[in-house]
Protein backbone atom coordinates (compact mmCIF):
# COMPACT_ATOMS: atom_id res chain seq x y z
CA MET A 1 -36.99 8.64 -27.64
CA GLY A 2 -39.10 5.93 -26.07
CA SER A 3 -41.19 4.82 -23.14
CA VAL A 4 -40.12 3.53 -19.73
CA TYR A 5 -42.22 1.03 -17.81
CA ARG A 6 -42.12 -0.26 -14.26
CA ALA A 7 -42.09 -4.06 -14.42
CA ARG A 8 -41.63 -7.13 -12.25
CA ASP A 9 -38.84 -9.62 -12.91
CA LEU A 10 -40.53 -13.04 -12.94
CA HIS A 11 -37.21 -14.85 -12.64
CA PHE A 12 -37.73 -14.29 -8.89
CA PRO A 13 -41.20 -15.76 -8.19
CA ASN A 14 -40.92 -15.61 -4.39
CA VAL A 15 -40.04 -11.94 -4.12
CA VAL A 16 -41.24 -8.78 -5.85
CA LYS A 17 -38.19 -7.57 -7.77
CA LEU A 18 -39.06 -4.43 -9.71
CA VAL A 19 -37.14 -3.31 -12.78
CA ALA A 20 -37.38 -0.46 -15.26
CA VAL A 21 -37.97 -1.51 -18.87
CA LYS A 22 -37.01 1.08 -21.48
CA GLU A 23 -38.72 0.54 -24.83
CA MET A 24 -37.79 2.00 -28.19
CA VAL A 25 -40.22 1.60 -31.10
CA ASN A 26 -38.49 1.80 -34.47
CA ASN A 27 -41.19 2.79 -36.99
CA THR A 28 -38.91 4.12 -39.72
CA THR A 29 -39.08 2.45 -43.12
CA ASP A 30 -35.62 3.58 -44.26
CA PRO A 31 -33.29 0.60 -43.63
CA ASP A 32 -30.21 2.81 -43.07
CA VAL A 33 -32.03 5.00 -40.55
CA ARG A 34 -33.47 1.90 -38.86
CA LYS A 35 -29.97 0.43 -38.55
CA THR A 36 -28.61 3.67 -37.09
CA ILE A 37 -31.40 3.87 -34.50
CA VAL A 38 -30.81 0.29 -33.37
CA GLN A 39 -27.05 0.91 -33.18
CA ASN A 40 -27.60 3.99 -31.01
CA PHE A 41 -29.87 2.01 -28.70
CA GLU A 42 -27.32 -0.80 -28.49
CA ARG A 43 -24.65 1.81 -27.72
CA GLU A 44 -26.56 2.84 -24.60
CA ALA A 45 -26.78 -0.81 -23.54
CA ASN A 46 -23.07 -1.34 -24.15
CA ILE A 47 -22.08 1.79 -22.23
CA LEU A 48 -24.24 0.85 -19.25
CA ALA A 49 -22.89 -2.71 -19.27
CA THR A 50 -19.36 -1.38 -18.63
CA LEU A 51 -20.37 0.86 -15.72
CA SER A 52 -20.46 -0.13 -12.07
CA HIS A 53 -21.19 2.81 -9.77
CA PRO A 54 -23.79 3.27 -7.00
CA ALA A 55 -25.20 6.37 -8.74
CA ILE A 56 -25.70 4.63 -12.10
CA PRO A 57 -28.57 2.14 -12.54
CA ARG A 58 -27.43 -1.39 -13.29
CA ILE A 59 -28.40 -2.98 -16.61
CA TYR A 60 -29.81 -6.50 -16.39
CA ASP A 61 -30.68 -7.35 -19.99
CA TYR A 62 -31.05 -6.13 -23.58
CA PHE A 63 -33.21 -7.66 -26.30
CA SER A 64 -35.33 -6.86 -29.36
CA GLU A 65 -38.78 -8.02 -30.47
CA GLU A 66 -39.59 -7.14 -34.11
CA ILE A 67 -39.64 -3.30 -34.29
CA ARG A 68 -39.16 -2.84 -30.52
CA SER A 69 -35.91 -2.86 -28.58
CA TYR A 70 -35.70 -3.05 -24.79
CA LEU A 71 -33.31 -2.31 -21.95
CA VAL A 72 -34.01 -3.90 -18.57
CA LEU A 73 -32.57 -1.65 -15.86
CA GLU A 74 -32.43 -1.30 -12.10
CA TYR A 75 -35.65 0.31 -10.85
CA ILE A 76 -35.10 3.50 -8.86
CA HIS A 77 -37.64 4.14 -6.10
CA GLY A 78 -38.01 7.92 -6.10
CA LYS A 79 -38.59 10.88 -8.43
CA ASP A 80 -36.45 13.09 -10.59
CA LEU A 81 -34.94 16.37 -9.48
CA GLU A 82 -37.14 18.38 -11.84
CA ALA A 83 -40.21 16.99 -10.05
CA VAL A 84 -38.61 17.66 -6.67
CA ILE A 85 -38.02 21.30 -7.63
CA SER A 86 -41.55 21.82 -8.97
CA ASP A 87 -43.23 19.98 -6.07
CA ASN A 88 -41.45 22.13 -3.50
CA GLU A 89 -43.31 25.37 -2.75
CA GLY A 90 -40.16 27.26 -1.79
CA PHE A 91 -36.46 27.04 -2.48
CA LEU A 92 -34.63 23.78 -1.81
CA SER A 93 -32.13 23.97 1.05
CA GLU A 94 -28.55 24.69 0.08
CA LYS A 95 -27.38 21.83 2.30
CA GLN A 96 -29.48 19.31 0.38
CA VAL A 97 -28.44 20.64 -3.03
CA LEU A 98 -24.81 20.71 -1.92
CA THR A 99 -24.99 17.03 -0.91
CA TRP A 100 -26.47 16.10 -4.29
CA ALA A 101 -23.87 18.24 -6.09
CA ILE A 102 -21.02 16.38 -4.38
CA GLU A 103 -22.56 13.03 -5.37
CA LEU A 104 -22.97 14.22 -8.98
CA CYS A 105 -19.32 15.29 -9.06
CA ASP A 106 -18.39 11.79 -7.92
CA VAL A 107 -20.34 10.10 -10.69
CA LEU A 108 -18.96 12.50 -13.32
CA PHE A 109 -15.44 11.79 -12.06
CA PHE A 110 -16.17 8.09 -12.50
CA LEU A 111 -17.43 8.60 -16.07
CA HIS A 112 -14.68 10.99 -17.13
CA ASN A 113 -12.00 8.62 -15.81
CA HIS A 114 -13.61 5.46 -17.15
CA LYS A 115 -11.16 2.91 -18.58
CA PRO A 116 -10.27 2.31 -21.31
CA ASP A 117 -12.12 5.38 -22.63
CA PRO A 118 -13.69 8.37 -20.84
CA ILE A 119 -17.46 8.80 -21.16
CA ILE A 120 -19.18 12.17 -21.62
CA PHE A 121 -22.75 12.17 -20.33
CA ARG A 122 -23.81 15.14 -22.53
CA ASP A 123 -27.29 15.50 -21.01
CA MET A 124 -26.99 16.51 -17.37
CA LYS A 125 -30.27 18.14 -16.34
CA PRO A 126 -32.75 17.82 -13.44
CA SER A 127 -35.00 15.34 -15.24
CA ASN A 128 -32.05 12.94 -15.63
CA VAL A 129 -31.15 13.11 -11.94
CA MET A 130 -33.27 10.71 -9.89
CA ILE A 131 -33.58 11.13 -6.11
CA ASP A 132 -34.13 7.71 -4.57
CA HIS A 133 -36.01 6.86 -1.36
CA ASN A 134 -32.81 7.34 0.67
CA GLY A 135 -32.38 10.88 -0.67
CA ASP A 136 -29.41 9.91 -2.86
CA ILE A 137 -28.95 10.63 -6.54
CA LYS A 138 -28.98 8.30 -9.54
CA LEU A 139 -27.95 9.48 -12.99
CA VAL A 140 -30.35 8.08 -15.62
CA ASP A 141 -30.79 8.08 -19.40
CA PHE A 142 -27.47 7.42 -21.10
CA GLY A 143 -29.13 7.61 -24.52
CA ILE A 144 -26.80 10.34 -25.85
CA ALA A 145 -23.74 9.60 -23.72
CA LYS A 146 -20.67 8.96 -25.84
CA ILE A 147 -17.13 7.70 -25.54
CA PHE A 148 -14.83 10.72 -25.61
CA GLN A 149 -12.13 10.95 -28.26
CA THR A 150 -9.89 14.01 -28.25
CA GLY A 151 -10.34 16.31 -31.24
CA GLN A 152 -13.34 14.46 -32.64
CA LYS A 153 -16.48 16.44 -33.36
CA GLY A 154 -19.85 14.86 -32.74
CA THR A 155 -23.53 15.51 -33.30
CA MET A 156 -25.03 18.82 -32.12
CA ILE A 157 -27.01 17.16 -29.35
CA GLY A 158 -28.07 17.95 -25.81
CA THR A 159 -30.74 19.96 -24.01
CA GLU A 160 -31.15 23.68 -24.63
CA GLY A 161 -30.37 25.77 -21.57
CA TYR A 162 -28.19 23.12 -19.92
CA SER A 163 -25.71 22.45 -22.76
CA PRO A 164 -22.70 24.79 -23.09
CA PRO A 165 -22.01 26.78 -26.28
CA GLU A 166 -19.33 24.37 -27.58
CA GLN A 167 -21.78 21.46 -27.44
CA TYR A 168 -23.95 23.25 -30.01
CA ARG A 169 -20.89 23.10 -32.28
CA GLY A 170 -20.59 19.35 -31.77
CA GLU A 171 -17.64 19.69 -29.35
CA ALA A 172 -18.52 17.71 -26.22
CA THR A 173 -15.70 17.30 -23.68
CA PRO A 174 -15.77 16.63 -19.94
CA LEU A 175 -16.02 20.42 -19.49
CA ALA A 176 -19.44 20.31 -21.15
CA ASP A 177 -20.69 18.09 -18.32
CA MET A 178 -19.28 20.58 -15.79
CA TYR A 179 -21.31 23.39 -17.40
CA ALA A 180 -24.48 21.29 -17.44
CA LEU A 181 -24.00 20.37 -13.78
CA GLY A 182 -23.63 24.07 -12.91
CA ALA A 183 -26.82 24.83 -14.86
CA THR A 184 -28.63 22.03 -13.05
CA LEU A 185 -27.56 23.35 -9.64
CA HIS A 186 -28.54 26.90 -10.64
CA HIS A 187 -32.00 25.61 -11.57
CA ALA A 188 -32.29 23.67 -8.29
CA LEU A 189 -31.47 26.70 -6.14
CA SER A 190 -33.18 29.43 -8.20
CA ARG A 191 -36.29 27.55 -9.47
CA ARG A 192 -35.58 29.30 -12.80
CA ASP A 193 -35.65 26.83 -15.70
CA PRO A 194 -32.77 27.75 -18.07
CA ARG A 195 -34.80 26.42 -21.02
CA MET A 196 -37.13 29.38 -20.49
CA GLU A 197 -34.29 31.93 -20.45
CA PRO A 198 -31.98 33.33 -23.14
CA PRO A 199 -29.12 30.89 -23.78
CA PHE A 200 -25.86 31.30 -21.84
CA SER A 201 -27.31 34.11 -19.71
CA PHE A 202 -26.48 32.87 -16.20
CA GLU A 203 -24.28 35.89 -15.48
CA GLU A 204 -27.34 38.09 -16.08
CA ARG A 205 -29.23 36.12 -13.40
CA PRO A 206 -26.99 36.14 -10.30
CA LEU A 207 -28.10 33.32 -8.05
CA ARG A 208 -28.19 35.29 -4.79
CA LYS A 209 -30.43 37.97 -6.29
CA ILE A 210 -33.00 35.30 -7.05
CA ASN A 211 -32.47 33.28 -3.84
CA PRO A 212 -30.89 35.38 -1.02
CA GLY A 213 -30.59 32.23 1.09
CA VAL A 214 -27.73 30.92 -1.06
CA THR A 215 -24.28 31.60 0.38
CA ALA A 216 -21.72 33.62 -1.55
CA GLU A 217 -19.39 30.60 -1.53
CA MET A 218 -21.97 28.36 -3.22
CA GLU A 219 -22.82 31.06 -5.77
CA ALA A 220 -19.13 31.39 -6.65
CA VAL A 221 -18.79 27.66 -7.34
CA ILE A 222 -21.86 27.57 -9.60
CA SER A 223 -20.87 30.77 -11.41
CA ARG A 224 -17.50 29.28 -12.29
CA ALA A 225 -19.10 26.06 -13.51
CA VAL A 226 -21.31 27.94 -16.02
CA GLU A 227 -18.60 30.19 -17.47
CA TYR A 228 -19.04 30.70 -21.23
CA ASN A 229 -15.42 29.83 -22.04
CA PRO A 230 -14.43 26.24 -21.17
CA GLU A 231 -10.99 27.29 -19.93
CA ASP A 232 -12.62 29.47 -17.25
CA ARG A 233 -14.60 26.56 -15.74
CA PHE A 234 -13.50 23.85 -13.34
CA GLN A 235 -11.20 21.63 -15.35
CA THR A 236 -12.24 18.41 -13.60
CA SER A 237 -15.18 17.23 -11.56
CA GLU A 238 -12.75 16.57 -8.72
CA ASP A 239 -11.80 20.27 -8.71
CA MET A 240 -15.47 21.21 -8.53
CA LYS A 241 -16.16 18.68 -5.76
CA ASN A 242 -13.26 20.04 -3.68
CA SER A 243 -14.58 23.59 -4.13
CA LEU A 244 -18.08 22.50 -3.10
CA MET A 245 -16.78 20.75 0.01
CA ALA A 246 -14.59 23.74 0.90
CA ALA A 247 -17.57 26.05 0.49
CA GLY A 248 -19.74 23.82 2.67
CA GLN A 249 -17.15 23.57 5.42
CA LYS A 250 -16.39 27.30 5.35
CA THR A 251 -20.06 28.20 5.74
CA GLY A 252 -20.67 25.46 8.31
CA ILE A 253 -23.19 23.67 6.09
CA LEU A 254 -20.97 20.58 6.03
CA SER A 255 -19.77 19.38 9.40
CA LYS A 256 -16.95 16.92 9.92
CA THR A 257 -18.89 15.21 12.67
CA ALA A 258 -22.07 13.42 11.67
CA THR A 259 -24.76 13.41 14.34
CA MET A 260 -27.24 10.81 15.47
CA GLY A 261 -30.12 12.78 14.00
CA GLY A 262 -32.09 10.70 11.54
CA PRO A 263 -34.27 7.63 11.39
CA GLY A 264 -34.86 5.63 14.52
CA ASP A 265 -34.57 1.90 15.02
CA GLY A 266 -37.99 0.93 13.67
CA ILE A 267 -36.43 -1.31 11.01
CA LYS A 268 -38.03 -4.75 10.83
CA PRO A 269 -35.88 -7.76 9.92
CA LEU A 270 -36.81 -10.02 7.03
CA TRP A 271 -36.02 -12.93 9.35
CA SER A 272 -33.94 -13.82 12.38
CA PHE A 273 -32.55 -17.07 13.75
CA LYS A 274 -31.50 -17.74 17.34
CA CYS A 275 -28.39 -19.79 18.07
CA GLU A 276 -27.57 -21.32 21.46
CA ASP A 277 -24.88 -18.76 22.30
CA GLU A 278 -23.35 -15.47 21.18
CA ILE A 279 -22.48 -14.67 17.57
CA ARG A 280 -19.22 -12.73 17.46
CA GLY A 281 -18.06 -13.55 13.94
CA ALA A 282 -19.25 -12.48 10.51
CA PRO A 283 -21.53 -14.60 8.30
CA LEU A 284 -20.94 -15.95 4.79
CA ASN A 285 -23.45 -16.27 1.93
CA TYR A 286 -22.55 -19.14 -0.40
CA LYS A 287 -25.02 -20.48 -2.97
CA ASN A 288 -28.01 -18.94 -1.16
CA THR A 289 -27.00 -20.45 2.18
CA ILE A 290 -25.87 -18.40 5.18
CA PHE A 291 -23.01 -19.93 7.18
CA VAL A 292 -22.28 -18.45 10.59
CA GLY A 293 -20.31 -19.62 13.63
CA SER A 294 -21.35 -19.28 17.27
CA TYR A 295 -19.89 -19.45 20.76
CA ASP A 296 -22.00 -22.62 21.16
CA ASN A 297 -19.25 -24.37 19.08
CA ASN A 298 -21.51 -24.88 16.04
CA LEU A 299 -21.31 -23.68 12.47
CA TYR A 300 -24.89 -23.10 11.29
CA ALA A 301 -26.23 -23.40 7.74
CA LEU A 302 -29.43 -21.38 7.13
CA ASN A 303 -31.54 -20.71 4.08
CA ALA A 304 -30.61 -17.18 2.97
CA ALA A 305 -34.16 -16.37 1.80
CA ASP A 306 -36.07 -17.15 5.01
CA GLY A 307 -33.56 -18.14 7.70
CA GLU A 308 -34.78 -21.74 7.79
CA PHE A 309 -32.38 -24.04 9.68
CA LEU A 310 -30.67 -26.52 7.33
CA TRP A 311 -27.98 -28.16 9.47
CA LYS A 312 -25.22 -27.44 11.95
CA TYR A 313 -21.69 -28.78 12.28
CA PRO A 314 -20.29 -29.18 15.81
CA SER A 315 -16.68 -28.30 16.52
CA GLU A 316 -15.18 -28.63 19.98
CA GLY A 317 -14.58 -24.94 20.58
CA SER A 318 -16.16 -21.53 20.02
CA ILE A 319 -16.16 -20.13 16.50
CA VAL A 320 -15.36 -16.41 16.26
CA SER A 321 -13.96 -16.27 12.72
CA ARG A 322 -15.75 -15.73 9.42
CA PRO A 323 -16.20 -18.90 7.35
CA VAL A 324 -14.99 -18.88 3.73
CA ALA A 325 -16.04 -21.00 0.76
CA PHE A 326 -13.88 -22.65 -1.86
CA ASP A 327 -14.70 -25.43 -4.31
CA ASP A 328 -17.99 -26.31 -2.54
CA ASN A 329 -16.27 -26.63 0.83
CA ILE A 330 -16.50 -24.32 3.86
CA TYR A 331 -13.32 -23.42 5.75
CA PHE A 332 -13.27 -22.01 9.28
CA GLY A 333 -11.13 -21.94 12.40
CA SER A 334 -12.21 -22.79 15.93
CA GLU A 335 -10.96 -22.36 19.46
CA ASP A 336 -10.57 -26.16 19.47
CA HIS A 337 -7.17 -25.45 17.78
CA ARG A 338 -8.32 -26.67 14.37
CA LEU A 339 -9.00 -25.57 10.83
CA HIS A 340 -12.19 -27.37 9.80
CA VAL A 341 -13.10 -28.12 6.19
CA ILE A 342 -16.65 -29.35 5.62
CA SER A 343 -18.99 -29.91 2.68
CA SER A 344 -21.18 -26.87 1.97
CA ARG A 345 -24.06 -29.15 0.98
CA SER A 346 -24.12 -31.69 3.78
CA GLY A 347 -22.00 -30.30 6.61
CA LYS A 348 -19.92 -33.48 6.61
CA VAL A 349 -16.26 -33.14 7.49
CA VAL A 350 -13.80 -33.29 4.58
CA TRP A 351 -10.58 -32.86 6.55
CA THR A 352 -9.18 -30.97 9.54
CA TYR A 353 -5.82 -29.43 10.32
CA TYR A 354 -4.48 -29.08 13.86
CA THR A 355 -2.54 -26.19 15.37
CA GLU A 356 -1.18 -25.88 18.90
CA ALA A 357 -3.65 -23.21 20.11
CA PRO A 358 -7.05 -21.61 19.33
CA VAL A 359 -7.65 -20.37 15.78
CA ARG A 360 -9.36 -16.96 15.94
CA SER A 361 -8.08 -15.68 12.60
CA SER A 362 -10.31 -16.10 9.54
CA ILE A 363 -9.02 -18.13 6.61
CA ARG A 364 -7.68 -16.58 3.41
CA ILE A 365 -7.47 -18.87 0.35
CA ALA A 366 -5.05 -18.20 -2.50
CA GLU A 367 -2.70 -20.11 -4.78
CA GLY A 368 -4.01 -23.50 -3.69
CA HIS A 369 -3.38 -22.84 0.01
CA ALA A 370 -5.29 -21.75 3.10
CA PHE A 371 -3.48 -19.00 5.04
CA PHE A 372 -4.47 -18.20 8.64
CA GLY A 373 -3.07 -17.30 12.03
CA SER A 374 -3.27 -19.09 15.36
CA ASP A 375 -2.67 -18.33 19.01
CA ASP A 376 0.24 -20.78 18.69
CA GLN A 377 2.15 -17.71 17.41
CA HIS A 378 2.40 -18.92 13.82
CA LEU A 379 1.02 -18.00 10.43
CA HIS A 380 0.06 -21.27 8.74
CA ALA A 381 -0.03 -22.13 5.03
CA VAL A 382 -1.95 -25.37 4.42
CA ASN A 383 -2.10 -27.18 1.07
CA LEU A 384 -5.74 -27.50 -0.02
CA ASN A 385 -5.18 -30.79 -1.87
CA THR A 386 -3.43 -32.64 0.92
CA GLY A 387 -4.65 -30.83 4.06
CA ARG A 388 -1.04 -30.74 5.22
CA SER A 389 1.20 -27.86 6.21
CA ALA A 390 3.18 -26.30 3.39
CA TRP A 391 4.98 -24.08 5.91
CA LYS A 392 4.37 -22.07 9.03
CA PHE A 393 6.02 -18.81 10.03
CA GLU A 394 6.80 -18.01 13.66
CA THR A 395 5.44 -14.56 14.55
CA SER A 396 6.46 -14.23 18.23
CA ASP A 397 2.88 -13.63 19.42
CA PHE A 398 -0.77 -14.56 18.83
CA VAL A 399 -2.05 -14.02 15.27
CA ARG A 400 -5.73 -13.05 15.33
CA SER A 401 -5.52 -10.80 12.29
CA THR A 402 -6.82 -12.30 9.04
CA PRO A 403 -4.08 -12.27 6.39
CA ILE A 404 -4.51 -10.66 2.99
CA ILE A 405 -2.74 -11.75 -0.20
CA ALA A 406 -1.35 -9.30 -2.77
CA ASN A 407 1.81 -8.90 -4.86
CA ASP A 408 2.77 -12.54 -4.13
CA LEU A 409 3.00 -11.65 -0.45
CA VAL A 410 0.98 -12.51 2.65
CA TYR A 411 0.33 -9.52 4.94
CA VAL A 412 -0.70 -10.06 8.58
CA GLY A 413 -0.38 -8.50 12.06
CA ASN A 414 0.18 -9.98 15.51
CA GLU A 415 -0.75 -9.09 19.08
CA GLN A 416 2.78 -7.84 19.79
CA GLY A 417 2.35 -5.04 17.24
CA ASP A 418 4.37 -6.51 14.37
CA PHE A 419 3.02 -6.18 10.86
CA LEU A 420 4.60 -8.73 8.55
CA ALA A 421 4.98 -9.29 4.82
CA ILE A 422 5.82 -12.93 4.07
CA ASP A 423 6.41 -14.52 0.65
CA PHE A 424 4.81 -17.74 -0.59
CA HIS A 425 7.82 -19.71 0.61
CA GLY A 426 7.29 -18.61 4.19
CA LYS A 427 10.21 -16.14 4.17
CA LEU A 428 9.96 -12.69 5.77
CA LYS A 429 10.22 -9.84 3.25
CA TRP A 430 9.75 -6.93 5.67
CA ARG A 431 8.48 -6.10 9.13
CA PHE A 432 6.86 -2.96 10.60
CA SER A 433 6.35 -2.45 14.34
CA ALA A 434 3.40 -0.53 15.76
CA LYS A 435 3.41 0.56 19.39
CA ARG A 436 0.73 -1.94 20.42
CA GLY A 437 -0.98 -5.07 19.12
CA ILE A 438 -2.58 -5.50 15.70
CA THR A 439 -5.81 -7.50 15.72
CA SER A 440 -7.23 -5.65 12.72
CA SER A 441 -7.14 -7.42 9.37
CA PRO A 442 -5.34 -5.49 6.62
CA THR A 443 -6.77 -4.28 3.33
CA ILE A 444 -5.02 -3.23 0.12
CA SER A 445 -5.65 0.07 -1.66
CA GLY A 446 -3.40 0.65 -4.67
CA GLU A 447 0.17 0.43 -3.40
CA MET A 448 -0.90 0.88 0.23
CA VAL A 449 -1.71 -1.70 2.86
CA LEU A 450 -4.01 -0.36 5.59
CA PHE A 451 -4.66 -1.62 9.14
CA THR A 452 -5.36 -0.35 12.64
CA SER A 453 -3.65 -0.98 15.96
CA HIS A 454 -4.43 -0.89 19.67
CA ASP A 455 -2.11 2.17 19.70
CA SER A 456 -5.04 4.29 18.36
CA THR A 457 -3.59 4.62 14.87
CA LEU A 458 -4.77 3.80 11.37
CA TYR A 459 -1.65 3.02 9.34
CA ALA A 460 -1.03 3.23 5.59
CA LEU A 461 2.20 1.49 4.57
CA ASP A 462 3.86 1.06 1.19
CA ASN A 463 3.00 -2.57 0.52
CA ARG A 464 6.30 -3.10 -1.32
CA ASN A 465 8.68 -2.20 1.52
CA GLY A 466 6.70 -1.38 4.69
CA PHE A 467 7.57 2.32 4.73
CA VAL A 468 4.96 4.56 6.36
CA ILE A 469 2.97 6.62 3.85
CA TRP A 470 0.74 8.22 6.49
CA ARG A 471 -0.78 7.73 9.92
CA PHE A 472 -4.23 8.78 11.13
CA ARG A 473 -4.77 9.21 14.86
CA MET A 474 -8.05 8.06 16.40
CA GLY A 475 -9.34 8.70 19.92
CA LYS A 476 -8.64 5.15 21.19
CA GLY A 477 -7.27 1.85 19.98
CA SER A 478 -8.94 -0.22 17.29
CA ILE A 479 -9.44 -3.84 16.29
CA SER A 480 -11.73 -2.81 13.41
CA SER A 481 -10.54 -3.76 9.92
CA PRO A 482 -10.58 -0.90 7.40
CA SER A 483 -12.63 -0.89 4.20
CA VAL A 484 -11.86 1.31 1.18
CA ASN A 485 -14.19 2.74 -1.46
CA ASP A 486 -13.87 5.79 -3.73
CA ASP A 487 -10.65 7.01 -2.06
CA ILE A 488 -12.23 6.90 1.39
CA VAL A 489 -11.15 4.43 4.07
CA PHE A 490 -13.79 3.54 6.66
CA VAL A 491 -12.89 2.21 10.09
CA GLY A 492 -14.17 2.04 13.67
CA ALA A 493 -12.43 2.53 17.01
CA ALA A 494 -12.91 2.01 20.74
CA ASP A 495 -13.65 5.73 21.11
CA GLY A 496 -17.13 4.95 19.72
CA PHE A 497 -16.62 6.58 16.32
CA ILE A 498 -16.84 5.31 12.77
CA TYR A 499 -14.40 7.33 10.64
CA GLY A 500 -14.26 8.27 6.96
CA VAL A 501 -10.67 9.22 6.02
CA ASP A 502 -9.27 10.40 2.69
CA THR A 503 -6.80 7.75 1.47
CA ARG A 504 -4.74 10.34 -0.40
CA SER A 505 -4.32 13.03 2.25
CA ALA A 506 -5.08 11.11 5.48
CA LYS A 507 -7.49 13.91 6.39
CA GLU A 508 -10.68 13.14 8.24
CA ILE A 509 -13.71 13.62 6.00
CA TRP A 510 -16.31 12.74 8.64
CA ARG A 511 -16.85 10.81 11.83
CA PHE A 512 -20.03 9.30 13.20
CA GLY A 513 -20.56 8.79 16.92
CA THR A 514 -22.12 5.66 18.37
CA ASP A 515 -22.82 5.08 22.07
CA HIS A 516 -20.04 2.55 22.69
CA GLN A 517 -16.84 1.22 21.20
CA VAL A 518 -16.83 0.04 17.58
CA SER A 519 -15.18 -3.37 17.25
CA SER A 520 -17.10 -4.30 14.10
CA SER A 521 -15.48 -3.72 10.72
CA PRO A 522 -17.34 -1.44 8.26
CA VAL A 523 -18.64 -2.86 4.99
CA VAL A 524 -19.35 -0.67 1.94
CA TYR A 525 -22.23 -1.57 -0.37
CA LYS A 526 -23.26 0.74 -3.19
CA ASP A 527 -23.13 4.20 -1.52
CA SER A 528 -23.69 3.09 2.08
CA VAL A 529 -21.44 2.01 4.95
CA TYR A 530 -22.74 -0.68 7.32
CA CYS A 531 -21.10 -1.12 10.72
CA GLY A 532 -22.07 -2.45 14.13
CA SER A 533 -21.28 -1.13 17.61
CA VAL A 534 -21.04 -2.55 21.09
CA ASP A 535 -24.05 -0.31 21.85
CA GLY A 536 -26.11 -3.03 20.10
CA TYR A 537 -26.95 -1.14 16.90
CA LEU A 538 -26.16 -1.80 13.28
CA TYR A 539 -25.71 1.56 11.54
CA CYS A 540 -26.29 2.37 7.87
CA LEU A 541 -24.46 5.58 6.92
CA GLU A 542 -24.13 7.55 3.71
CA SER A 543 -20.57 6.82 2.59
CA ARG A 544 -19.67 10.32 1.38
CA THR A 545 -20.99 12.32 4.33
CA GLY A 546 -21.41 9.90 7.25
CA ARG A 547 -25.07 10.87 7.50
CA LEU A 548 -27.24 8.34 9.32
CA ARG A 549 -29.71 6.59 7.04
CA TRP A 550 -31.06 4.09 9.54
CA LYS A 551 -30.07 2.00 12.50
CA PHE A 552 -31.26 -1.38 13.72
CA GLY A 553 -31.11 -2.26 17.40
CA THR A 554 -30.53 -5.63 19.04
CA ASP A 555 -30.44 -6.29 22.77
CA GLY A 556 -26.86 -7.49 22.57
CA GLN A 557 -23.48 -6.19 21.46
CA ILE A 558 -22.54 -6.28 17.78
CA ILE A 559 -18.90 -7.35 17.61
CA GLY A 560 -18.73 -9.04 14.22
CA SER A 561 -18.92 -7.46 10.81
CA PRO A 562 -22.02 -7.35 8.62
CA LEU A 563 -22.38 -9.17 5.33
CA VAL A 564 -24.22 -7.35 2.54
CA TYR A 565 -25.22 -9.53 -0.37
CA ASP A 566 -27.81 -8.90 -3.11
CA ASP A 567 -29.38 -5.94 -1.25
CA ILE A 568 -29.71 -7.83 2.06
CA VAL A 569 -27.65 -7.20 5.21
CA TYR A 570 -26.87 -10.13 7.50
CA ILE A 571 -25.58 -9.40 11.02
CA GLY A 572 -25.06 -11.40 14.21
CA SER A 573 -25.33 -10.21 17.81
CA THR A 574 -24.24 -11.37 21.25
CA ASN A 575 -27.96 -11.83 21.97
CA ASN A 576 -27.41 -15.14 20.08
CA GLU A 577 -29.40 -14.05 16.99
CA ILE A 578 -28.52 -13.48 13.36
CA TYR A 579 -30.71 -11.05 11.41
CA ALA A 580 -31.46 -10.44 7.72
CA LEU A 581 -32.39 -6.82 6.85
CA LEU A 582 -33.08 -4.98 3.64
CA ALA A 583 -30.04 -2.89 2.69
């Protein structure tokens, strides 16, 4: 038990960075008890330090001062679910509770499948579920969470009414968290606090008798979650999530197509900077400096905090690729046929490498080499120490796709529709042919390599041999590069949609409609997807549902991809401006 304070992190004097400081006061005089209390507090710190999930607050620091111990945690702007329930005069909507339930299943899946050891939360209840200012959940207070070991009994600990019968016997397994989640959802939809009821009596309080607005499908899911016997419950959080989603889709509460309904474009940028021509590439943040190329032939260096101009480096052609940083140097290609390497501090040229045609591919650095494509119909591998060609592979057409490196192979597409896997010696390992060109840059997910094509298809290939694992058909062709997070692949297409597709089944989870084609590549940050459209808007969507959180309008097309770094989104537009926005 302890206190939690809202505090300001003074390491950042120029911005107000709020944190939560959890304090434990250890007043016991028994040295063994004191040691146990401190160990338990340290256990919470150690568990949180191993967790990286958008629904779990980040831990920044841990320290002790005499009899007090402290955790410094991410501050959540919002209020807990218990307060949301009590502040609401009527019943919460099933749609809202269903959305939160799906998010809670996701975070439990993450905990129960944590490596090297699963983690049991053991205290799921409304007061430990925070609803942030975006309407998303955060799971807080890991004070009694424990690493799960099969067959080991633990302390009889938890919260009466939410804990299942076996937890009172010291037997906490992942199924205990499933019961507590069911109890939490029952409370949210019924407004009946299970702490005020006889224990394990949910079957005596059918949900739809209390709240007739709840669908039979939702009631069935919750009833199964709170079964007395563990073997009668959902055996995994993934099973429960699938049942929740099936219930929502059957009743029409969850739609596969997200709509434009939501916040307008009243978002104000933190700063903006105007170049002399269009920005079609993506920016880079390196050591608190934003680097971005423009059609005016210049690479700009701007202060990331306020957008102040630092310097610019002139090439002799337009810059449409994303710059990359390595060893205090910035690498980028230009339509002047060159790979430029310049100092990140001064903008002075270090060396350049010439190709026979414009370089529109971005650079990928690995194993001491820079890999990139050129309109000279070659994939180039350039030695970083010498600035000279190690090898180049003839591809038979323009290479505007940015290569990706995995499994000691270089994967890249060309404008003829060939997708190639090339080893580090410049030898072809396998080739796959799409029906039309591949401008999209590939991404790796497990043993799959994913990319889109102008033939309107999102492909998933076995990255070892190029065999097709699945295809997903979109309305029109795509040059958008896919992004993967939590078994969902996100991608845009010329049909104006941003798609969320299940990487395991290739089934569409959701799609979001913009007012023009989507050439930008989505970026996932925490639990949001950021993607631009030719309609001039940058969209922020909820990653699990495709729901619009906000959109920011420019008076130009957004072709390039956003950069999200340290809670700030950077995006360029064909109106010549680059913007910094709060994520």
